[in-house]
N, C-alpha and C. Protein backbone atom coordinates (compact mmCIF):
# COMPACT_ATOMS: atom_id res chain seq x y z
N MET A 1 100.74 108.57 79.48
CA MET A 1 101.65 109.56 80.04
C MET A 1 101.93 109.23 81.49
N PRO A 2 103.16 109.40 81.92
CA PRO A 2 103.51 109.09 83.31
C PRO A 2 103.40 110.29 84.24
N ILE A 3 103.41 109.99 85.52
CA ILE A 3 103.58 111.02 86.54
C ILE A 3 105.07 111.38 86.50
N LYS A 4 105.38 112.67 86.41
CA LYS A 4 106.77 113.10 86.27
C LYS A 4 107.15 114.07 87.37
N GLN A 5 108.44 114.09 87.68
CA GLN A 5 108.93 115.10 88.60
C GLN A 5 109.04 116.42 87.84
N CYS A 6 108.83 117.52 88.57
CA CYS A 6 108.90 118.84 87.96
C CYS A 6 109.43 119.82 89.00
N GLN A 7 109.58 121.06 88.59
CA GLN A 7 110.06 122.09 89.51
C GLN A 7 109.35 123.40 89.19
N ILE A 8 108.92 124.09 90.25
CA ILE A 8 108.28 125.38 90.09
C ILE A 8 108.73 126.28 91.24
N ASN A 9 109.17 127.46 90.92
CA ASN A 9 109.67 128.41 91.93
C ASN A 9 110.75 127.78 92.82
N GLY A 10 111.60 126.94 92.23
CA GLY A 10 112.69 126.32 92.97
C GLY A 10 112.27 125.15 93.86
N LYS A 11 111.00 124.76 93.81
CA LYS A 11 110.50 123.66 94.63
C LYS A 11 110.23 122.45 93.75
N SER A 12 110.64 121.25 94.23
CA SER A 12 110.38 120.01 93.52
C SER A 12 108.92 119.63 93.68
N GLY A 13 108.39 119.02 92.62
CA GLY A 13 107.01 118.59 92.67
C GLY A 13 106.74 117.48 91.68
N TRP A 14 105.45 117.24 91.43
CA TRP A 14 105.01 116.17 90.53
C TRP A 14 103.92 116.70 89.61
N LYS A 15 103.87 116.15 88.38
CA LYS A 15 102.83 116.52 87.44
C LYS A 15 102.50 115.34 86.54
N TRP A 16 101.36 115.43 85.87
CA TRP A 16 100.92 114.40 84.93
C TRP A 16 101.36 114.82 83.54
N GLY A 17 102.25 114.04 82.94
CA GLY A 17 102.71 114.30 81.59
C GLY A 17 103.50 115.60 81.47
N ASP A 18 103.55 116.15 80.27
CA ASP A 18 104.33 117.36 80.02
C ASP A 18 103.57 118.65 80.27
N LYS A 19 102.25 118.59 80.27
CA LYS A 19 101.46 119.81 80.34
C LYS A 19 100.70 119.98 81.65
N GLY A 20 100.74 119.00 82.54
CA GLY A 20 99.99 119.08 83.78
C GLY A 20 100.53 120.14 84.72
N THR A 21 99.74 120.48 85.72
CA THR A 21 100.14 121.43 86.76
C THR A 21 101.20 120.78 87.63
N CYS A 22 102.22 121.52 88.03
CA CYS A 22 103.27 121.02 88.92
C CYS A 22 102.82 121.23 90.36
N TYR A 23 102.57 120.13 91.07
CA TYR A 23 102.13 120.19 92.46
C TYR A 23 103.33 119.95 93.38
N THR A 24 103.52 120.84 94.34
CA THR A 24 104.63 120.73 95.28
C THR A 24 104.10 120.39 96.67
N GLY A 25 105.01 120.14 97.58
CA GLY A 25 104.61 119.85 98.96
C GLY A 25 104.45 118.36 99.21
N PRO A 26 104.14 118.01 100.44
CA PRO A 26 104.08 116.60 100.84
C PRO A 26 103.00 115.79 100.12
N ASN A 27 101.96 116.45 99.61
CA ASN A 27 100.90 115.74 98.90
C ASN A 27 100.94 115.98 97.40
N GLY A 28 102.06 116.50 96.92
CA GLY A 28 102.17 116.83 95.50
C GLY A 28 101.95 115.65 94.58
N LYS A 29 102.54 114.51 94.91
CA LYS A 29 102.39 113.35 94.05
C LYS A 29 100.94 112.86 94.04
N LYS A 30 100.30 112.88 95.20
CA LYS A 30 98.90 112.47 95.28
C LYS A 30 98.02 113.38 94.42
N LYS A 31 98.29 114.67 94.44
CA LYS A 31 97.51 115.62 93.65
C LYS A 31 97.73 115.38 92.15
N ALA A 32 98.98 115.07 91.77
CA ALA A 32 99.27 114.80 90.36
C ALA A 32 98.56 113.52 89.91
N ILE A 33 98.51 112.53 90.77
CA ILE A 33 97.80 111.30 90.44
C ILE A 33 96.31 111.58 90.29
N ALA A 34 95.77 112.39 91.20
CA ALA A 34 94.35 112.76 91.10
C ALA A 34 94.08 113.50 89.79
N GLN A 35 95.01 114.36 89.40
CA GLN A 35 94.87 115.06 88.13
C GLN A 35 94.88 114.06 86.97
N ALA A 36 95.78 113.08 87.03
CA ALA A 36 95.86 112.07 85.98
C ALA A 36 94.55 111.30 85.88
N ILE A 37 94.01 110.93 87.02
CA ILE A 37 92.75 110.19 87.02
C ILE A 37 91.64 111.03 86.39
N ALA A 38 91.61 112.31 86.71
CA ALA A 38 90.60 113.19 86.13
C ALA A 38 90.77 113.31 84.61
N ILE A 39 92.00 113.40 84.17
CA ILE A 39 92.28 113.56 82.74
C ILE A 39 91.89 112.31 81.96
N VAL A 40 92.22 111.15 82.50
CA VAL A 40 91.97 109.91 81.76
C VAL A 40 90.66 109.24 82.15
N SER A 41 89.81 109.94 82.88
CA SER A 41 88.56 109.31 83.34
C SER A 41 87.69 108.85 82.17
N ALA A 42 87.89 109.42 81.01
CA ALA A 42 87.13 108.98 79.84
C ALA A 42 87.57 107.58 79.40
N ASN A 43 88.79 107.18 79.77
CA ASN A 43 89.30 105.86 79.43
C ASN A 43 89.97 105.26 80.66
N PRO A 44 89.21 104.67 81.57
CA PRO A 44 89.74 104.18 82.84
C PRO A 44 90.86 103.15 82.71
N LYS A 45 90.96 102.46 81.58
CA LYS A 45 92.04 101.48 81.41
C LYS A 45 93.41 102.14 81.49
N ASP A 46 93.51 103.42 81.12
CA ASP A 46 94.78 104.12 81.16
C ASP A 46 95.30 104.31 82.58
N ILE A 47 94.41 104.36 83.56
CA ILE A 47 94.81 104.58 84.95
C ILE A 47 95.69 103.46 85.46
N VAL A 48 95.43 102.25 85.00
CA VAL A 48 96.16 101.08 85.47
C VAL A 48 97.66 101.23 85.23
N ASN A 49 98.05 101.92 84.19
CA ASN A 49 99.45 102.02 83.82
C ASN A 49 100.23 103.08 84.57
N LEU A 50 99.59 103.83 85.47
CA LEU A 50 100.30 104.91 86.15
C LEU A 50 101.54 104.40 86.87
N ALA A 51 101.36 103.50 87.83
CA ALA A 51 102.50 102.97 88.58
C ALA A 51 102.28 101.52 88.96
N ALA A 52 101.17 100.97 88.55
CA ALA A 52 100.78 99.64 89.00
C ALA A 52 101.76 98.55 88.59
N ASN A 53 102.50 98.75 87.54
CA ASN A 53 103.39 97.70 87.09
C ASN A 53 104.80 97.80 87.64
N LYS A 54 105.06 98.77 88.48
CA LYS A 54 106.38 98.92 89.11
C LYS A 54 106.24 98.65 90.60
N VAL A 55 107.04 97.72 91.10
CA VAL A 55 107.00 97.34 92.50
C VAL A 55 108.43 97.27 93.02
N SER A 56 108.63 97.72 94.26
CA SER A 56 109.95 97.58 94.86
C SER A 56 109.85 96.70 96.10
N VAL A 57 110.98 96.05 96.41
CA VAL A 57 111.06 95.13 97.53
C VAL A 57 112.34 95.44 98.30
N ASP A 58 112.25 95.48 99.61
CA ASP A 58 113.42 95.62 100.48
C ASP A 58 114.26 94.35 100.35
N TYR A 59 115.52 94.42 100.73
CA TYR A 59 116.36 93.22 100.64
C TYR A 59 116.45 92.46 101.96
N ASP A 60 117.09 93.06 102.98
CA ASP A 60 117.33 92.33 104.24
C ASP A 60 116.02 91.92 104.90
N ASP A 61 115.92 90.66 105.21
CA ASP A 61 114.74 90.06 105.85
C ASP A 61 113.48 90.16 104.99
N THR A 62 113.65 90.46 103.71
CA THR A 62 112.52 90.50 102.79
C THR A 62 112.93 89.71 101.54
N ALA A 63 113.55 90.35 100.55
CA ALA A 63 113.96 89.64 99.33
C ALA A 63 115.04 88.60 99.60
N SER A 64 115.74 88.73 100.71
CA SER A 64 116.81 87.77 101.05
C SER A 64 116.27 86.44 101.55
N THR A 65 114.97 86.38 101.85
CA THR A 65 114.38 85.15 102.39
C THR A 65 113.77 84.30 101.28
N ALA A 66 113.54 83.03 101.58
CA ALA A 66 112.89 82.14 100.61
C ALA A 66 111.50 82.67 100.26
N LYS A 67 110.75 83.13 101.25
CA LYS A 67 109.41 83.67 101.01
C LYS A 67 109.50 84.95 100.16
N GLY A 68 110.53 85.74 100.39
CA GLY A 68 110.73 86.95 99.60
C GLY A 68 111.03 86.65 98.15
N LYS A 69 111.84 85.63 97.92
CA LYS A 69 112.15 85.24 96.53
C LYS A 69 110.91 84.71 95.83
N GLU A 70 110.06 84.00 96.57
CA GLU A 70 108.79 83.53 96.00
C GLU A 70 107.89 84.71 95.64
N LEU A 71 107.88 85.73 96.50
CA LEU A 71 107.12 86.95 96.22
C LEU A 71 107.60 87.58 94.92
N ILE A 72 108.91 87.71 94.78
CA ILE A 72 109.49 88.31 93.57
C ILE A 72 109.10 87.50 92.33
N LYS A 73 109.18 86.19 92.42
CA LYS A 73 108.80 85.33 91.29
C LYS A 73 107.33 85.53 90.92
N ARG A 74 106.48 85.64 91.94
CA ARG A 74 105.05 85.85 91.68
C ARG A 74 104.82 87.20 90.99
N LEU A 75 105.48 88.25 91.52
CA LEU A 75 105.32 89.59 90.94
C LEU A 75 105.80 89.62 89.49
N LEU A 76 106.95 88.99 89.24
CA LEU A 76 107.47 88.93 87.87
C LEU A 76 106.51 88.16 86.97
N GLY A 77 105.93 87.08 87.49
CA GLY A 77 104.96 86.29 86.73
C GLY A 77 103.71 87.07 86.39
N GLU A 78 103.39 88.08 87.21
CA GLU A 78 102.24 88.95 86.94
C GLU A 78 102.59 90.08 85.97
N GLY A 79 103.84 90.09 85.51
CA GLY A 79 104.26 91.11 84.56
C GLY A 79 104.76 92.40 85.19
N LYS A 80 105.00 92.38 86.48
CA LYS A 80 105.49 93.57 87.18
C LYS A 80 106.98 93.77 86.91
N THR A 81 107.40 95.04 86.92
CA THR A 81 108.82 95.37 86.92
C THR A 81 109.20 95.49 88.39
N VAL A 82 110.14 94.67 88.83
CA VAL A 82 110.51 94.61 90.25
C VAL A 82 111.89 95.23 90.46
N TYR A 83 111.93 96.12 91.45
CA TYR A 83 113.18 96.75 91.87
C TYR A 83 113.49 96.30 93.29
N ILE A 84 114.76 96.20 93.61
CA ILE A 84 115.20 95.96 94.98
C ILE A 84 115.76 97.28 95.48
N ILE A 85 115.21 97.76 96.59
CA ILE A 85 115.69 99.00 97.19
C ILE A 85 116.05 98.70 98.64
N SER A 86 117.34 98.79 98.94
CA SER A 86 117.84 98.46 100.27
C SER A 86 118.43 99.70 100.95
N ALA A 87 118.38 99.69 102.26
CA ALA A 87 119.03 100.76 103.03
C ALA A 87 120.51 100.47 103.22
N ARG A 88 120.98 99.35 102.73
CA ARG A 88 122.42 99.06 102.78
C ARG A 88 123.18 100.14 102.01
N SER A 89 124.44 100.31 102.34
CA SER A 89 125.25 101.30 101.64
C SER A 89 125.92 100.73 100.40
N SER A 90 125.86 99.42 100.22
CA SER A 90 126.45 98.78 99.05
C SER A 90 125.55 97.64 98.59
N LYS A 91 125.48 97.44 97.27
CA LYS A 91 124.68 96.33 96.78
C LYS A 91 125.49 95.04 96.65
N LEU A 92 126.72 95.08 97.15
CA LEU A 92 127.57 93.88 97.18
C LEU A 92 126.86 92.78 97.95
N GLY A 93 126.77 91.62 97.41
CA GLY A 93 126.06 90.52 98.05
C GLY A 93 124.62 90.42 97.60
N ILE A 94 123.97 91.55 97.42
CA ILE A 94 122.57 91.55 96.97
C ILE A 94 122.50 91.06 95.52
N VAL A 95 123.38 91.61 94.69
CA VAL A 95 123.38 91.27 93.27
C VAL A 95 123.60 89.77 93.07
N ASP A 96 124.58 89.21 93.78
CA ASP A 96 124.87 87.78 93.65
C ASP A 96 123.69 86.92 94.09
N THR A 97 123.06 87.30 95.20
CA THR A 97 121.95 86.52 95.74
C THR A 97 120.75 86.52 94.81
N LEU A 98 120.51 87.63 94.12
CA LEU A 98 119.30 87.76 93.30
C LEU A 98 119.56 87.73 91.80
N LYS A 99 120.78 87.34 91.40
CA LYS A 99 121.17 87.42 89.98
C LYS A 99 120.26 86.65 89.04
N ASP A 100 119.61 85.60 89.52
CA ASP A 100 118.71 84.82 88.67
C ASP A 100 117.31 85.43 88.57
N LEU A 101 117.05 86.47 89.37
CA LEU A 101 115.71 87.07 89.40
C LEU A 101 115.68 88.52 88.91
N ILE A 102 116.64 89.32 89.38
CA ILE A 102 116.61 90.77 89.15
C ILE A 102 117.93 91.23 88.53
N PRO A 103 117.88 91.96 87.43
CA PRO A 103 119.14 92.49 86.88
C PRO A 103 119.75 93.53 87.83
N SER A 104 121.05 93.62 87.86
CA SER A 104 121.73 94.54 88.79
C SER A 104 121.33 95.99 88.56
N SER A 105 120.88 96.31 87.36
CA SER A 105 120.45 97.69 87.07
C SER A 105 119.17 98.07 87.80
N ARG A 106 118.47 97.09 88.36
CA ARG A 106 117.26 97.37 89.12
C ARG A 106 117.44 97.08 90.62
N ILE A 107 118.70 97.06 91.04
CA ILE A 107 119.02 96.87 92.47
C ILE A 107 119.70 98.14 92.96
N PHE A 108 119.17 98.70 94.06
CA PHE A 108 119.68 99.96 94.60
C PHE A 108 119.99 99.83 96.08
N ALA A 109 121.18 100.27 96.46
CA ALA A 109 121.58 100.37 97.87
C ALA A 109 121.64 101.86 98.17
N THR A 110 120.72 102.32 99.00
CA THR A 110 120.55 103.77 99.18
C THR A 110 121.27 104.33 100.40
N GLY A 111 121.63 103.49 101.36
CA GLY A 111 122.36 103.97 102.54
C GLY A 111 121.48 104.35 103.72
N SER A 112 120.17 104.51 103.52
CA SER A 112 119.27 104.84 104.63
C SER A 112 117.83 104.55 104.24
N ASN A 113 116.98 104.46 105.22
CA ASN A 113 115.56 104.24 104.93
C ASN A 113 114.91 105.47 104.30
N ASP A 114 115.35 106.67 104.71
CA ASP A 114 114.83 107.89 104.08
C ASP A 114 115.17 107.92 102.60
N ALA A 115 116.41 107.55 102.28
CA ALA A 115 116.84 107.53 100.88
C ALA A 115 116.12 106.42 100.10
N LYS A 116 115.76 105.36 100.80
CA LYS A 116 114.99 104.27 100.18
C LYS A 116 113.64 104.80 99.68
N VAL A 117 112.98 105.60 100.50
CA VAL A 117 111.69 106.18 100.12
C VAL A 117 111.86 107.11 98.92
N LYS A 118 112.90 107.93 98.95
CA LYS A 118 113.15 108.85 97.84
C LYS A 118 113.42 108.09 96.53
N LYS A 119 114.15 106.99 96.64
CA LYS A 119 114.44 106.18 95.45
C LYS A 119 113.15 105.57 94.91
N ALA A 120 112.29 105.07 95.78
CA ALA A 120 111.00 104.51 95.34
C ALA A 120 110.17 105.58 94.64
N GLU A 121 110.20 106.80 95.18
CA GLU A 121 109.48 107.91 94.53
C GLU A 121 110.06 108.20 93.16
N SER A 122 111.39 108.26 93.05
CA SER A 122 112.01 108.59 91.77
C SER A 122 111.78 107.50 90.72
N LEU A 123 111.64 106.26 91.17
CA LEU A 123 111.35 105.16 90.24
C LEU A 123 109.86 105.08 89.91
N GLU A 124 109.06 105.86 90.64
CA GLU A 124 107.61 105.90 90.46
C GLU A 124 106.97 104.52 90.64
N VAL A 125 107.40 103.81 91.71
CA VAL A 125 106.80 102.52 91.99
C VAL A 125 105.40 102.71 92.57
N GLY A 126 104.55 101.74 92.33
CA GLY A 126 103.20 101.81 92.87
C GLY A 126 103.08 101.18 94.23
N ALA A 127 104.00 100.24 94.54
CA ALA A 127 103.96 99.55 95.83
C ALA A 127 105.37 99.17 96.26
N HIS A 128 105.56 99.09 97.58
CA HIS A 128 106.85 98.68 98.14
C HIS A 128 106.61 97.70 99.28
N TYR A 129 107.32 96.57 99.25
CA TYR A 129 107.26 95.57 100.31
C TYR A 129 108.46 95.75 101.23
N ASP A 130 108.21 95.82 102.53
CA ASP A 130 109.29 96.01 103.49
C ASP A 130 108.92 95.33 104.81
N ASN A 131 109.95 94.89 105.54
CA ASN A 131 109.71 94.25 106.84
C ASN A 131 109.66 95.25 107.99
N ARG A 132 109.91 96.51 107.73
CA ARG A 132 109.88 97.54 108.78
C ARG A 132 108.63 98.40 108.64
N GLN A 133 107.85 98.45 109.71
CA GLN A 133 106.62 99.23 109.71
C GLN A 133 106.90 100.71 109.45
N SER A 134 108.02 101.21 109.99
CA SER A 134 108.33 102.63 109.80
C SER A 134 108.55 102.97 108.33
N VAL A 135 109.14 102.04 107.57
CA VAL A 135 109.35 102.27 106.13
C VAL A 135 108.02 102.17 105.40
N VAL A 136 107.20 101.20 105.77
CA VAL A 136 105.87 101.07 105.16
C VAL A 136 105.08 102.36 105.36
N ASP A 137 105.12 102.90 106.58
CA ASP A 137 104.41 104.15 106.88
C ASP A 137 104.97 105.31 106.06
N ALA A 138 106.29 105.38 105.93
CA ALA A 138 106.92 106.46 105.17
C ALA A 138 106.56 106.36 103.68
N MET A 139 106.48 105.14 103.17
CA MET A 139 106.07 104.96 101.77
C MET A 139 104.65 105.47 101.58
N LYS A 140 103.77 105.12 102.52
CA LYS A 140 102.38 105.56 102.42
C LYS A 140 102.29 107.08 102.43
N GLU A 141 103.11 107.73 103.28
CA GLU A 141 103.13 109.19 103.34
C GLU A 141 103.59 109.79 102.01
N ALA A 142 104.42 109.04 101.29
CA ALA A 142 104.94 109.51 100.00
C ALA A 142 103.99 109.19 98.85
N GLY A 143 102.84 108.57 99.17
CA GLY A 143 101.88 108.24 98.13
C GLY A 143 102.11 106.90 97.46
N ILE A 144 102.93 106.07 98.08
CA ILE A 144 103.24 104.74 97.56
C ILE A 144 102.57 103.72 98.47
N LYS A 145 101.99 102.69 97.89
CA LYS A 145 101.35 101.64 98.69
C LYS A 145 102.43 100.86 99.42
N GLY A 146 102.51 101.04 100.75
CA GLY A 146 103.47 100.30 101.57
C GLY A 146 102.85 99.02 102.06
N ILE A 147 103.57 97.91 101.89
CA ILE A 147 103.05 96.61 102.27
C ILE A 147 104.03 95.96 103.24
N LEU A 148 103.55 95.64 104.44
CA LEU A 148 104.39 95.02 105.45
C LEU A 148 104.64 93.56 105.09
N PHE A 149 105.91 93.19 105.02
CA PHE A 149 106.32 91.83 104.67
C PHE A 149 106.63 91.08 105.96
N ASN A 150 105.99 89.95 106.12
CA ASN A 150 106.27 89.08 107.27
C ASN A 150 106.86 87.78 106.75
N GLY A 151 108.18 87.72 106.75
CA GLY A 151 108.88 86.56 106.19
C GLY A 151 108.95 85.45 107.13
């Protein structure tokens, strides 16, 4: 069962599966993950599937570099589902550059770094690689493992 978005009393939140408690607020996703861990503690192998196989990568100065493309190849080789999430307002140029690695359906141009974090949350990624410390910090605040990329 995945961590899912939910709503209670008009507030957005997160829950584990269809029957879990809907947790709202800035730590809602973390609480839902903790609930998931408690529920599946009898079978720890299930925990690995929460978000570990979904990873996102920034484009400019990250996936656009030779080192970034090598990172993507490595992640794909590990069986990860890789998304590109950029603060650009258009994915024009990104799709052509990465067409041999990432399908266009997994490339997102969000228009801002704040929207980038929201997109990573909605995709339920477990980790995000970015060259900006502020984005890495924002991902961590959202309960996503932020990893600083030094290309």
